Amino acid sequence: MYDEFTQNRIAELRMQTKVSARDMSLTLGQNESYINKIENKKALPSLHGLFCICSFFHITPQLFFDERSLYPAQLWEIMEDLKKLDPDTLAYVAAIIRELARRK
């Protein structure tokens, strides 16, 4: 169940960041075909490999596996910024987000 999701999610996130499979593999310290093999369903990353992949995309494993999150890296950045806000400002931003989501 999660095998195909994992392989597809890596490809999806890699395309969003516009990095080649070869460059991503080498950045992760792997051989140049590492990501290509995963995306072509010939391999799966180890748990450590998955953590490294999440780190590469600047997301948590929780965001990686959240199927509802189409743009997890952007969501992570927003959440980090939200943590810096005071309660009143956070409430204001939350009201804006609710209104935008309601309009969708």
Protein backbone atom coordinates (compact mmCIF):
# COMPACT_ATOMS: atom_id res chain seq x y z
CA MET A 1 0.00 0.00 0.00
CA TYR A 2 2.66 2.54 1.02
CA ASP A 3 5.23 1.16 -1.43
CA GLU A 4 3.67 2.76 -4.48
CA PHE A 5 2.66 5.88 -2.54
CA THR A 6 6.26 6.35 -1.37
CA GLN A 7 7.69 5.93 -4.85
CA ASN A 8 5.13 8.26 -6.41
CA ARG A 9 5.47 10.84 -3.63
CA ILE A 10 9.24 11.06 -4.11
CA ALA A 11 8.77 11.62 -7.85
CA GLU A 12 6.07 14.23 -7.24
CA LEU A 13 8.15 16.17 -4.70
CA ARG A 14 11.26 15.95 -6.86
CA MET A 15 9.41 17.39 -9.84
CA GLN A 16 8.01 20.20 -7.67
CA THR A 17 11.53 21.14 -6.65
CA LYS A 18 12.79 20.78 -10.24
CA VAL A 19 15.77 18.63 -9.33
CA SER A 20 16.91 15.70 -11.44
CA ALA A 21 16.85 12.19 -10.03
CA ARG A 22 20.61 11.99 -10.60
CA ASP A 23 21.35 15.24 -8.76
CA MET A 24 19.10 14.27 -5.87
CA SER A 25 20.76 10.85 -5.62
CA LEU A 26 24.22 12.36 -5.52
CA THR A 27 23.18 15.04 -3.00
CA LEU A 28 21.91 12.24 -0.76
CA GLY A 29 25.31 10.55 -1.01
CA GLN A 30 23.98 7.65 -3.04
CA ASN A 31 24.87 6.29 -6.47
CA GLU A 32 23.48 8.26 -9.38
CA SER A 33 20.61 5.82 -10.07
CA TYR A 34 19.30 5.60 -6.47
CA ILE A 35 16.24 7.84 -6.90
CA ASN A 36 15.59 6.59 -10.42
CA LYS A 37 15.36 3.00 -9.12
CA ILE A 38 12.93 4.08 -6.39
CA GLU A 39 10.72 6.07 -8.77
CA ASN A 40 10.69 3.22 -11.30
CA LYS A 41 9.51 0.83 -8.58
CA LYS A 42 12.66 -1.26 -8.62
CA ALA A 43 13.60 -0.37 -5.05
CA LEU A 44 12.37 1.25 -1.84
CA PRO A 45 14.38 3.48 0.45
CA SER A 46 15.39 2.18 3.85
CA LEU A 47 13.92 3.96 6.86
CA HIS A 48 17.14 5.95 7.17
CA GLY A 49 16.99 6.67 3.43
CA LEU A 50 13.41 7.91 3.77
CA PHE A 51 14.44 10.25 6.60
CA CYS A 52 17.25 11.59 4.39
CA ILE A 53 14.78 12.10 1.53
CA CYS A 54 12.41 13.98 3.84
CA SER A 55 15.31 16.11 5.02
CA PHE A 56 16.25 16.80 1.40
CA PHE A 57 12.74 18.18 0.79
CA HIS A 58 12.75 20.05 4.14
CA ILE A 59 9.70 18.18 5.40
CA THR A 60 8.87 15.78 8.20
CA PRO A 61 7.96 12.14 7.59
CA GLN A 62 4.46 13.07 8.80
CA LEU A 63 4.10 15.62 5.99
CA PHE A 64 5.62 13.17 3.52
CA PHE A 65 2.87 10.63 4.23
CA ASP A 66 0.03 13.16 4.46
CA GLU A 67 -1.80 12.43 1.20
CA ARG A 68 -3.90 15.59 1.58
CA SER A 69 -0.83 17.81 1.53
CA LEU A 70 -0.06 18.52 -2.11
CA TYR A 71 2.77 20.96 -1.35
CA PRO A 72 4.31 19.76 1.92
CA ALA A 73 7.51 21.84 1.68
CA GLN A 74 5.53 25.06 1.40
CA LEU A 75 3.22 23.94 4.22
CA TRP A 76 6.23 23.24 6.43
CA GLU A 77 7.66 26.72 5.79
CA ILE A 78 4.32 28.35 6.60
CA MET A 79 3.98 26.33 9.81
CA GLU A 80 7.45 27.38 10.91
CA ASP A 81 6.55 31.03 10.31
CA LEU A 82 3.24 30.66 12.14
CA LYS A 83 5.07 29.40 15.24
CA LYS A 84 6.71 32.83 15.53
CA LEU A 85 3.43 34.77 15.72
CA ASP A 86 1.73 36.07 18.85
CA PRO A 87 -1.74 34.66 19.66
CA ASP A 88 -3.69 37.64 18.29
CA THR A 89 -1.84 37.66 14.99
CA LEU A 90 -2.16 33.90 14.73
CA ALA A 91 -5.94 34.18 15.23
CA TYR A 92 -6.08 36.83 12.50
CA VAL A 93 -4.13 34.63 10.07
CA ALA A 94 -6.34 31.65 10.94
CA ALA A 95 -9.47 33.68 10.11
CA ILE A 96 -7.98 34.65 6.74
CA ILE A 97 -7.11 31.03 5.96
CA ARG A 98 -10.61 29.85 6.91
CA GLU A 99 -12.14 32.46 4.63
CA LEU A 100 -9.87 31.50 1.72
CA ALA A 101 -10.62 27.81 2.23
CA ARG A 102 -14.35 28.54 2.38
CA ARG A 103 -14.21 30.32 -0.98
CA LYS A 104 -12.50 27.39 -2.65
